[in-house]
Amino acid sequence: MDNGVGMDKNQLEKMMALLESDEIGVKDEYNWKSVGVKNVNDRIRYLYGEEYGIKADSSPGLGTIVRILLPIQIKGEHYDKDDYR
């Protein structure tokens, strides 16, 4: 969580669409950029499934909250992401 400039709805939707896409990042005239967060999200989803990964919420002027959703595993047992025991 930060208290930076935040993102408007369009910027946030664009970022989340990139995370859901098969693209490896954003490419401009200088080459690929913005691949780090996308790479982490792809690895989490590959290892644990499509319901896990990076989620974000943001408000202009207030900041951004980024959540990393991972499954809980205790001693080899697998718990559902909605199980808060």
C-alpha atoms as a PDB file:
ATOM      1  CA  MET A   1       0.000   0.000   0.000  1.00  0.00           C
ATOM      2  CA  ASP A   2       1.270   3.464  -0.780  1.00  0.00           C
ATOM      3  CA  ASN A   3       0.001   7.012  -0.566  1.00  0.00           C
ATOM      4  CA  GLY A   4       1.270   8.102  -3.977  1.00  0.00           C
ATOM      5  CA  VAL A   5      -0.584   9.669  -6.876  1.00  0.00           C
ATOM      6  CA  GLY A   6      -2.665   6.539  -7.526  1.00  0.00           C
ATOM      7  CA  MET A   7      -4.180   5.459 -10.823  1.00  0.00           C
ATOM      8  CA  ASP A   8      -7.457   6.363 -12.439  1.00  0.00           C
ATOM      9  CA  LYS A   9      -9.922   3.665 -13.507  1.00  0.00           C
ATOM     10  CA  ASN A  10      -8.519   3.486 -17.072  1.00  0.00           C
ATOM     11  CA  GLN A  11      -4.918   3.059 -15.907  1.00  0.00           C
ATOM     12  CA  LEU A  12      -5.911   0.386 -13.390  1.00  0.00           C
ATOM     13  CA  GLU A  13      -7.998  -1.514 -15.973  1.00  0.00           C
ATOM     14  CA  LYS A  14      -5.095  -1.362 -18.437  1.00  0.00           C
ATOM     15  CA  MET A  15      -2.683  -2.783 -15.846  1.00  0.00           C
ATOM     16  CA  MET A  16      -5.090  -5.549 -14.810  1.00  0.00           C
ATOM     17  CA  ALA A  17      -5.760  -6.419 -18.480  1.00  0.00           C
ATOM     18  CA  LEU A  18      -1.989  -6.791 -19.009  1.00  0.00           C
ATOM     19  CA  LEU A  19      -1.770  -9.126 -15.997  1.00  0.00           C
ATOM     20  CA  GLU A  20      -4.576 -11.278 -17.449  1.00  0.00           C
ATOM     21  CA  SER A  21      -3.159 -11.308 -20.991  1.00  0.00           C
ATOM     22  CA  ASP A  22      -0.602 -13.549 -22.684  1.00  0.00           C
ATOM     23  CA  GLU A  23       1.667 -10.561 -23.404  1.00  0.00           C
ATOM     24  CA  ILE A  24       5.016 -10.598 -21.584  1.00  0.00           C
ATOM     25  CA  GLY A  25       4.900  -6.898 -20.773  1.00  0.00           C
ATOM     26  CA  VAL A  26       4.586  -3.528 -22.450  1.00  0.00           C
ATOM     27  CA  LYS A  27       6.641  -2.905 -25.584  1.00  0.00           C
ATOM     28  CA  ASP A  28       7.501   0.563 -26.815  1.00  0.00           C
ATOM     29  CA  GLU A  29       9.980   1.802 -29.417  1.00  0.00           C
ATOM     30  CA  TYR A  30      12.907   1.016 -27.072  1.00  0.00           C
ATOM     31  CA  ASN A  31      11.964  -2.606 -26.298  1.00  0.00           C
ATOM     32  CA  TRP A  32      10.083  -4.512 -23.608  1.00  0.00           C
ATOM     33  CA  LYS A  33       9.422  -2.761 -20.303  1.00  0.00           C
ATOM     34  CA  SER A  34       7.107  -3.248 -17.313  1.00  0.00           C
ATOM     35  CA  VAL A  35       7.708  -6.990 -17.217  1.00  0.00           C
ATOM     36  CA  GLY A  36       8.522  -7.521 -13.497  1.00  0.00           C
ATOM     37  CA  VAL A  37       5.024  -7.477 -11.992  1.00  0.00           C
ATOM     38  CA  LYS A  38       3.661  -9.384 -14.990  1.00  0.00           C
ATOM     39  CA  ASN A  39       6.366 -12.043 -14.586  1.00  0.00           C
ATOM     40  CA  VAL A  40       5.600 -12.515 -10.866  1.00  0.00           C
ATOM     41  CA  ASN A  41       1.852 -12.744 -11.587  1.00  0.00           C
ATOM     42  CA  ASP A  42       2.393 -15.305 -14.365  1.00  0.00           C
ATOM     43  CA  ARG A  43       4.611 -17.478 -12.154  1.00  0.00           C
ATOM     44  CA  ILE A  44       2.112 -17.450  -9.281  1.00  0.00           C
ATOM     45  CA  ARG A  45      -0.736 -18.389 -11.622  1.00  0.00           C
ATOM     46  CA  TYR A  46       1.344 -21.123 -13.281  1.00  0.00           C
ATOM     47  CA  LEU A  47       2.249 -22.678  -9.920  1.00  0.00           C
ATOM     48  CA  TYR A  48      -1.047 -22.301  -8.035  1.00  0.00           C
ATOM     49  CA  GLY A  49      -3.842 -21.659 -10.538  1.00  0.00           C
ATOM     50  CA  GLU A  50      -5.733 -18.856 -12.221  1.00  0.00           C
ATOM     51  CA  GLU A  51      -7.515 -17.692  -9.046  1.00  0.00           C
ATOM     52  CA  TYR A  52      -4.188 -16.628  -7.481  1.00  0.00           C
ATOM     53  CA  GLY A  53      -1.813 -13.829  -8.425  1.00  0.00           C
ATOM     54  CA  ILE A  54      -1.616 -10.059  -8.159  1.00  0.00           C
ATOM     55  CA  LYS A  55      -4.684  -7.879  -7.619  1.00  0.00           C
ATOM     56  CA  ALA A  56      -4.690  -4.083  -7.280  1.00  0.00           C
ATOM     57  CA  ASP A  57      -6.995  -1.264  -6.322  1.00  0.00           C
ATOM     58  CA  SER A  58      -6.172   2.407  -6.728  1.00  0.00           C
ATOM     59  CA  SER A  59      -7.650   5.869  -6.340  1.00  0.00           C
ATOM     60  CA  PRO A  60      -6.194   9.038  -7.863  1.00  0.00           C
ATOM     61  CA  GLY A  61      -4.673  11.222  -5.168  1.00  0.00           C
ATOM     62  CA  LEU A  62      -4.987   8.509  -2.499  1.00  0.00           C
ATOM     63  CA  GLY A  63      -2.616   5.743  -3.578  1.00  0.00           C
ATOM     64  CA  THR A  64      -2.566   2.102  -4.585  1.00  0.00           C
ATOM     65  CA  ILE A  65      -3.085  -1.174  -2.742  1.00  0.00           C
ATOM     66  CA  VAL A  66      -1.547  -4.308  -4.259  1.00  0.00           C
ATOM     67  CA  ARG A  67      -2.463  -7.762  -2.955  1.00  0.00           C
ATOM     68  CA  ILE A  68      -0.603 -10.968  -3.725  1.00  0.00           C
ATOM     69  CA  LEU A  69      -2.961 -13.936  -3.423  1.00  0.00           C
ATOM     70  CA  LEU A  70      -1.300 -17.259  -2.597  1.00  0.00           C
ATOM     71  CA  PRO A  71      -2.763 -20.539  -1.344  1.00  0.00           C
ATOM     72  CA  ILE A  72      -2.178 -21.503   2.278  1.00  0.00           C
ATOM     73  CA  GLN A  73      -0.308 -24.757   2.714  1.00  0.00           C
ATOM     74  CA  ILE A  74       0.353 -26.170   6.167  1.00  0.00           C
ATOM     75  CA  LYS A  75       2.285 -29.432   6.537  1.00  0.00           C
ATOM     76  CA  GLY A  76       1.384 -30.556   3.034  1.00  0.00           C
ATOM     77  CA  GLU A  77      -2.319 -29.744   3.374  1.00  0.00           C
ATOM     78  CA  HIS A  78      -3.955 -27.389   0.890  1.00  0.00           C
ATOM     79  CA  TYR A  79      -6.493 -24.807   2.083  1.00  0.00           C
ATOM     80  CA  ASP A  80      -8.982 -22.922  -0.059  1.00  0.00           C
ATOM     81  CA  LYS A  81      -8.294 -19.201  -0.527  1.00  0.00           C
ATOM     82  CA  ASP A  82     -11.556 -18.372   1.291  1.00  0.00           C
ATOM     83  CA  ASP A  83     -10.753 -20.579   4.295  1.00  0.00           C
ATOM     84  CA  TYR A  84      -9.503 -18.256   7.046  1.00  0.00           C
ATOM     85  CA  ARG A  85      -8.973 -20.851   9.803  1.00  0.00           C
END
